[in-house]
């Protein structure tokens, strides 16, 4: 499954979050394939698109950073998946 992960650093720990990222690179654990990651200009915030077959490694990755970042994780669809879903829905009327 694909997931979109959005994060924002808690304001009081932005420096600590930046230091941890520089030190660790913020790599995902085994079981999570990061397809891309983008960072906002200015605030310590951004998004990543990840793929995993089991939600537990993704939850573990979020937990690693939960002391510094606020997260929103949502399932995602590709254009092809959404197109198929919409085509089916439209055909059903």
N, C-alpha and C. Protein backbone atom coordinates (compact mmCIF):
# COMPACT_ATOMS: atom_id res chain seq x y z
N UNK A 1 0.83 -1.18 0.00
CA UNK A 1 0.00 0.00 0.00
C UNK A 1 0.87 1.24 0.00
N UNK A 2 0.33 2.30 -0.59
CA UNK A 2 1.00 3.59 -0.59
C UNK A 2 0.44 4.46 0.53
N UNK A 3 1.31 5.26 1.12
CA UNK A 3 0.91 6.19 2.17
C UNK A 3 1.59 7.53 1.94
N UNK A 4 0.87 8.58 2.28
CA UNK A 4 1.45 9.92 2.30
C UNK A 4 1.64 10.27 3.77
N UNK A 5 2.87 10.59 4.12
CA UNK A 5 3.19 10.99 5.50
C UNK A 5 3.51 12.48 5.49
N UNK A 6 2.77 13.24 6.27
CA UNK A 6 3.03 14.67 6.43
C UNK A 6 3.53 14.89 7.85
N UNK A 7 4.56 15.73 8.00
CA UNK A 7 5.05 16.01 9.33
C UNK A 7 5.34 17.50 9.49
N UNK A 8 5.29 17.91 10.74
CA UNK A 8 5.66 19.26 11.14
C UNK A 8 6.36 19.14 12.48
N UNK A 9 7.49 19.84 12.60
CA UNK A 9 8.18 19.82 13.88
C UNK A 9 7.40 20.64 14.89
N UNK A 10 7.36 20.15 16.10
CA UNK A 10 6.78 20.92 17.18
C UNK A 10 7.68 22.15 17.36
N UNK A 11 7.12 23.35 17.46
CA UNK A 11 7.92 24.58 17.44
C UNK A 11 9.06 24.62 18.45
N UNK A 12 8.84 24.08 19.63
CA UNK A 12 9.86 24.17 20.67
C UNK A 12 11.04 23.21 20.46
N UNK A 13 10.94 22.31 19.46
CA UNK A 13 12.02 21.34 19.25
C UNK A 13 12.52 21.32 17.80
N UNK A 14 12.27 22.39 17.06
CA UNK A 14 12.71 22.42 15.66
C UNK A 14 14.21 22.18 15.52
N UNK A 15 15.02 22.80 16.39
CA UNK A 15 16.48 22.64 16.30
C UNK A 15 16.88 21.19 16.58
N UNK A 16 16.29 20.58 17.59
CA UNK A 16 16.60 19.19 17.92
C UNK A 16 16.19 18.26 16.78
N UNK A 17 15.03 18.52 16.17
CA UNK A 17 14.57 17.71 15.03
C UNK A 17 15.55 17.84 13.87
N UNK A 18 16.01 19.05 13.60
CA UNK A 18 16.97 19.26 12.52
C UNK A 18 18.27 18.53 12.81
N UNK A 19 18.74 18.59 14.04
CA UNK A 19 19.98 17.91 14.41
C UNK A 19 19.85 16.40 14.26
N UNK A 20 18.70 15.83 14.67
CA UNK A 20 18.50 14.39 14.55
C UNK A 20 18.48 13.97 13.08
N UNK A 21 17.81 14.78 12.24
CA UNK A 21 17.75 14.44 10.83
C UNK A 21 19.15 14.46 10.21
N UNK A 22 19.94 15.48 10.51
CA UNK A 22 21.30 15.58 9.97
C UNK A 22 22.13 14.38 10.43
N UNK A 23 21.96 13.97 11.68
CA UNK A 23 22.73 12.84 12.23
C UNK A 23 22.30 11.50 11.65
N UNK A 24 20.98 11.28 11.48
CA UNK A 24 20.48 9.95 11.10
C UNK A 24 20.06 9.84 9.64
N UNK A 25 19.76 10.95 9.00
CA UNK A 25 19.24 10.92 7.64
C UNK A 25 17.76 10.60 7.57
N UNK A 26 17.16 10.24 8.70
CA UNK A 26 15.72 9.97 8.73
C UNK A 26 15.28 8.81 7.87
N UNK A 27 16.17 7.85 7.66
CA UNK A 27 15.83 6.70 6.80
C UNK A 27 14.73 5.85 7.42
N UNK A 28 13.85 5.31 6.58
CA UNK A 28 12.79 4.44 7.10
C UNK A 28 13.36 3.08 7.52
N UNK A 29 12.63 2.38 8.37
CA UNK A 29 13.06 1.05 8.77
C UNK A 29 12.81 0.03 7.67
N UNK A 30 13.37 -1.15 7.86
CA UNK A 30 13.11 -2.25 6.94
C UNK A 30 11.61 -2.49 6.89
N UNK A 31 11.09 -2.71 5.71
CA UNK A 31 9.67 -2.92 5.53
C UNK A 31 8.94 -1.70 5.01
N UNK A 32 9.64 -0.56 4.96
CA UNK A 32 9.07 0.67 4.42
C UNK A 32 9.98 1.16 3.30
N UNK A 33 9.42 1.29 2.11
CA UNK A 33 10.17 1.83 0.98
C UNK A 33 9.73 3.27 0.77
N UNK A 34 10.67 4.19 0.94
CA UNK A 34 10.36 5.60 0.74
C UNK A 34 10.53 5.90 -0.75
N UNK A 35 9.44 6.31 -1.40
CA UNK A 35 9.47 6.60 -2.83
C UNK A 35 9.93 8.03 -3.11
N UNK A 36 9.77 8.89 -2.14
CA UNK A 36 10.22 10.28 -2.27
C UNK A 36 9.92 11.04 -1.01
N UNK A 37 10.72 12.09 -0.78
CA UNK A 37 10.51 12.93 0.40
C UNK A 37 10.83 14.36 0.01
N UNK A 38 9.97 15.28 0.45
CA UNK A 38 10.13 16.69 0.13
C UNK A 38 10.00 17.50 1.41
N UNK A 39 10.84 18.53 1.52
CA UNK A 39 10.88 19.37 2.72
C UNK A 39 10.42 20.78 2.39
N UNK A 40 9.68 21.37 3.29
CA UNK A 40 9.22 22.75 3.13
C UNK A 40 10.41 23.70 3.29
N UNK A 41 10.32 24.84 2.66
CA UNK A 41 11.30 25.90 2.86
C UNK A 41 10.81 26.75 4.02
N UNK A 42 11.62 26.88 5.03
CA UNK A 42 11.23 27.66 6.20
C UNK A 42 10.98 26.77 7.41
N UNK A 43 9.75 26.32 7.59
CA UNK A 43 9.48 25.50 8.78
C UNK A 43 10.08 24.11 8.63
N UNK A 44 10.27 23.43 9.73
CA UNK A 44 10.69 22.03 9.69
C UNK A 44 9.42 21.22 9.47
N UNK A 45 9.13 20.98 8.19
CA UNK A 45 7.90 20.29 7.79
C UNK A 45 8.13 19.67 6.42
N UNK A 46 7.29 18.71 6.06
CA UNK A 46 7.41 18.12 4.74
C UNK A 46 6.48 16.94 4.56
N UNK A 47 6.69 16.24 3.44
CA UNK A 47 5.91 15.05 3.13
C UNK A 47 6.81 13.97 2.58
N UNK A 48 6.37 12.74 2.73
CA UNK A 48 7.03 11.59 2.13
C UNK A 48 5.96 10.68 1.56
N UNK A 49 6.27 10.03 0.46
CA UNK A 49 5.41 9.00 -0.09
C UNK A 49 6.13 7.68 0.14
N UNK A 50 5.44 6.76 0.81
CA UNK A 50 6.04 5.50 1.21
C UNK A 50 5.17 4.34 0.75
N UNK A 51 5.81 3.20 0.61
CA UNK A 51 5.12 1.98 0.24
C UNK A 51 5.47 0.90 1.26
N UNK A 52 4.45 0.20 1.74
CA UNK A 52 4.69 -0.92 2.65
C UNK A 52 3.49 -1.86 2.60
N UNK A 53 3.74 -3.12 2.85
CA UNK A 53 2.66 -4.09 2.83
C UNK A 53 2.07 -4.29 4.22
N UNK A 54 2.76 -3.79 5.23
CA UNK A 54 2.33 -3.93 6.61
C UNK A 54 2.48 -2.56 7.27
N UNK A 55 1.49 -2.10 7.97
CA UNK A 55 1.50 -0.77 8.58
C UNK A 55 2.45 -0.68 9.79
N UNK A 56 2.79 -1.81 10.39
CA UNK A 56 3.60 -1.77 11.61
C UNK A 56 4.96 -1.10 11.43
N UNK A 57 5.74 -1.40 10.38
CA UNK A 57 7.01 -0.69 10.23
C UNK A 57 6.83 0.82 10.04
N UNK A 58 5.78 1.22 9.34
CA UNK A 58 5.50 2.64 9.18
C UNK A 58 5.16 3.27 10.52
N UNK A 59 4.37 2.59 11.31
CA UNK A 59 4.02 3.09 12.65
C UNK A 59 5.26 3.19 13.53
N UNK A 60 6.17 2.22 13.40
CA UNK A 60 7.41 2.27 14.19
C UNK A 60 8.26 3.46 13.80
N UNK A 61 8.32 3.76 12.49
CA UNK A 61 9.09 4.91 12.01
C UNK A 61 8.50 6.21 12.56
N UNK A 62 7.19 6.33 12.52
CA UNK A 62 6.52 7.51 13.07
C UNK A 62 6.82 7.62 14.57
N UNK A 63 6.76 6.50 15.27
CA UNK A 63 7.00 6.50 16.71
C UNK A 63 8.42 6.98 17.04
N UNK A 64 9.40 6.64 16.19
CA UNK A 64 10.79 7.09 16.39
C UNK A 64 10.90 8.61 16.46
N UNK A 65 10.02 9.29 15.74
CA UNK A 65 10.08 10.74 15.63
C UNK A 65 8.97 11.46 16.38
N UNK A 66 8.08 10.72 17.02
CA UNK A 66 6.89 11.32 17.64
C UNK A 66 7.21 12.29 18.78
N UNK A 67 8.41 12.20 19.34
CA UNK A 67 8.77 13.15 20.40
C UNK A 67 9.10 14.53 19.83
N UNK A 68 9.31 14.60 18.50
CA UNK A 68 9.72 15.86 17.87
C UNK A 68 8.78 16.35 16.78
N UNK A 69 8.06 15.43 16.16
CA UNK A 69 7.24 15.78 15.01
C UNK A 69 5.79 15.39 15.21
N UNK A 70 4.92 16.17 14.61
CA UNK A 70 3.50 15.84 14.56
C UNK A 70 3.25 15.24 13.17
N UNK A 71 2.54 14.10 13.09
CA UNK A 71 2.34 13.38 11.84
C UNK A 71 0.88 13.29 11.45
N UNK A 72 0.68 13.20 10.13
CA UNK A 72 -0.61 12.83 9.55
C UNK A 72 -0.28 11.80 8.47
N UNK A 73 -0.77 10.58 8.62
CA UNK A 73 -0.51 9.50 7.67
C UNK A 73 -1.83 9.16 6.98
N UNK A 74 -1.83 9.17 5.64
CA UNK A 74 -3.05 8.82 4.90
C UNK A 74 -2.72 7.83 3.81
N UNK A 75 -3.62 6.86 3.58
CA UNK A 75 -3.44 5.95 2.45
C UNK A 75 -3.51 6.76 1.15
N UNK A 76 -2.85 6.26 0.13
CA UNK A 76 -2.82 6.97 -1.15
C UNK A 76 -3.09 6.00 -2.30
N UNK A 77 -3.58 6.55 -3.40
CA UNK A 77 -3.82 5.80 -4.63
C UNK A 77 -3.00 6.40 -5.76
N UNK A 78 -2.56 5.56 -6.68
CA UNK A 78 -1.94 6.06 -7.91
C UNK A 78 -3.04 6.55 -8.85
N UNK A 79 -2.66 7.25 -9.91
CA UNK A 79 -3.63 7.66 -10.92
C UNK A 79 -4.37 6.45 -11.49
N UNK A 80 -3.63 5.38 -11.73
CA UNK A 80 -4.24 4.18 -12.31
C UNK A 80 -5.27 3.57 -11.36
N UNK A 81 -4.93 3.50 -10.08
CA UNK A 81 -5.86 2.93 -9.11
C UNK A 81 -7.11 3.80 -8.98
N UNK A 82 -6.92 5.11 -8.91
CA UNK A 82 -8.06 6.00 -8.81
C UNK A 82 -8.91 5.95 -10.07
N UNK A 83 -8.26 5.91 -11.23
CA UNK A 83 -9.00 5.82 -12.49
C UNK A 83 -9.88 4.59 -12.54
N UNK A 84 -9.36 3.45 -12.10
CA UNK A 84 -10.14 2.20 -12.08
C UNK A 84 -11.33 2.33 -11.13
N UNK A 85 -11.08 2.88 -9.96
CA UNK A 85 -12.14 3.07 -8.98
C UNK A 85 -13.24 3.99 -9.51
N UNK A 86 -12.83 5.10 -10.13
CA UNK A 86 -13.81 6.06 -10.66
C UNK A 86 -14.57 5.46 -11.84
N UNK A 87 -13.89 4.73 -12.69
CA UNK A 87 -14.55 4.10 -13.82
C UNK A 87 -15.63 3.13 -13.36
N UNK A 88 -15.31 2.33 -12.35
CA UNK A 88 -16.28 1.40 -11.79
C UNK A 88 -17.47 2.14 -11.19
N UNK A 89 -17.17 3.19 -10.43
CA UNK A 89 -18.24 3.97 -9.79
C UNK A 89 -19.14 4.63 -10.83
N UNK A 90 -18.54 5.19 -11.89
CA UNK A 90 -19.32 5.85 -12.93
C UNK A 90 -20.16 4.86 -13.72
N UNK A 91 -19.63 3.66 -13.93
CA UNK A 91 -20.37 2.64 -14.67
C UNK A 91 -21.59 2.17 -13.88
N UNK A 92 -21.50 2.23 -12.57
CA UNK A 92 -22.61 1.80 -11.72
C UNK A 92 -23.68 2.86 -11.62
N UNK A 93 -23.35 4.05 -12.10
CA UNK A 93 -24.36 5.10 -12.19
C UNK A 93 -24.44 5.91 -10.98
